[in-house]
Protein backbone atom coordinates (compact mmCIF):
# COMPACT_ATOMS: atom_id res chain seq x y z
CA MET A 1 12.03 -20.77 -19.79
CA THR A 2 10.11 -18.24 -21.89
CA GLU A 3 7.57 -19.13 -24.51
CA ALA A 4 8.90 -18.38 -28.00
CA ALA A 5 6.71 -17.02 -30.77
CA VAL A 6 6.62 -19.01 -33.98
CA PHE A 7 6.51 -17.03 -37.20
CA GLU A 8 6.03 -18.10 -40.78
CA ILE A 9 6.90 -16.47 -44.09
CA VAL A 10 4.34 -17.03 -46.80
CA GLU A 11 4.38 -16.08 -50.48
CA LEU A 12 0.87 -15.00 -51.41
CA GLU A 13 -0.74 -15.54 -54.80
CA ASP A 14 0.00 -11.92 -55.77
CA GLY A 15 3.75 -12.46 -55.21
CA GLN A 16 3.86 -10.58 -51.92
CA PHE A 17 5.79 -12.14 -49.02
CA VAL A 18 4.29 -11.78 -45.55
CA LEU A 19 5.49 -12.46 -42.03
CA ARG A 20 2.83 -13.61 -39.61
CA ALA A 21 2.43 -15.61 -36.45
CA ALA A 22 2.17 -19.28 -37.39
CA ASP A 23 -1.18 -19.72 -35.64
CA THR A 24 -2.73 -16.56 -37.14
CA ASP A 25 -5.85 -16.57 -39.28
CA GLU A 26 -4.98 -15.62 -42.88
CA LYS A 27 -7.48 -12.74 -42.73
CA ILE A 28 -5.53 -10.94 -39.97
CA GLU A 29 -3.09 -8.28 -41.16
CA PRO A 30 0.49 -9.68 -41.31
CA LEU A 31 3.27 -8.31 -39.10
CA ALA A 32 5.27 -7.28 -42.18
CA SER A 33 5.14 -7.64 -45.94
CA ILE A 34 7.53 -7.36 -48.87
CA ARG A 35 6.58 -6.74 -52.47
CA PHE A 36 9.34 -6.83 -55.08
CA SER A 37 9.02 -4.89 -58.33
CA SER A 38 8.87 -6.90 -61.55
CA GLN A 39 12.39 -5.70 -62.39
CA THR A 40 13.69 -6.97 -59.04
CA LEU A 41 11.91 -10.28 -59.52
CA GLU A 42 13.71 -10.69 -62.86
CA LEU A 43 17.04 -10.10 -61.13
CA LEU A 44 16.30 -12.43 -58.21
CA ARG A 45 14.65 -15.20 -60.24
CA HIS A 46 14.37 -18.31 -58.04
CA HIS A 47 16.19 -16.62 -55.13
CA ARG A 48 13.27 -14.32 -54.29
CA PHE A 49 12.13 -16.37 -51.29
CA ASP A 50 15.67 -16.53 -49.87
CA VAL A 51 16.04 -12.75 -50.16
CA ALA A 52 12.63 -12.13 -48.57
CA ARG A 53 13.51 -14.53 -45.74
CA GLU A 54 16.82 -12.76 -45.05
CA MET A 55 15.08 -9.37 -45.03
CA LEU A 56 12.40 -10.59 -42.62
CA ASP A 57 14.96 -12.40 -40.41
CA HIS A 58 16.83 -9.11 -40.14
CA LEU A 59 13.61 -7.32 -39.20
CA ILE A 60 12.95 -9.82 -36.42
CA SER A 61 16.51 -9.67 -35.06
CA ARG A 62 16.38 -5.84 -34.93
CA SER A 63 12.97 -5.61 -33.29
CA VAL A 64 11.11 -6.47 -30.12
CA LEU A 65 9.90 -9.61 -31.90
CA ALA A 66 13.26 -11.14 -30.92
CA ASP A 67 14.10 -12.00 -27.32
CA GLU A 68 15.31 -8.88 -25.55
CA ASP A 69 18.74 -10.47 -25.04
CA ASP A 70 19.01 -11.28 -28.75
CA ALA A 71 17.88 -7.91 -30.13
CA ILE A 72 20.73 -5.85 -31.53
CA ASP A 73 21.03 -2.27 -30.30
CA ALA A 74 22.12 -0.19 -33.25
CA PRO A 75 21.31 3.36 -34.24
CA GLU A 76 18.62 3.66 -36.88
CA PRO A 77 19.92 5.10 -40.14
CA ALA A 78 18.35 8.31 -41.34
CA ALA A 79 18.40 7.02 -44.92
CA ILE A 80 19.44 3.85 -46.65
CA HIS A 81 21.10 4.18 -50.04
C-alpha cells in the first residue's frame, strides 16, 4: 500500500484559489493557483469554488501528483481556445 498525498484547496483573502499539501505551512509557495478576473467572478457568482476545484482536480489527474496508474496519458494541446 502506498502513502497517498493529501491536498487542500484554499480560497485566500485576495480571492485567489491555491492547491497545497494539507500539512504545508501557509508561507510555502502553493503547488498551483487560480485567479479569476472580476468579470469571470461575476459570471460564476457562488460557483467559483466549484469551478476552481474542478480545474485543480483536473490538474492533479493529469499530472504526476496522481498515482502513476491513475494519471491519464494524453497529448498536450498546443493551444486551448
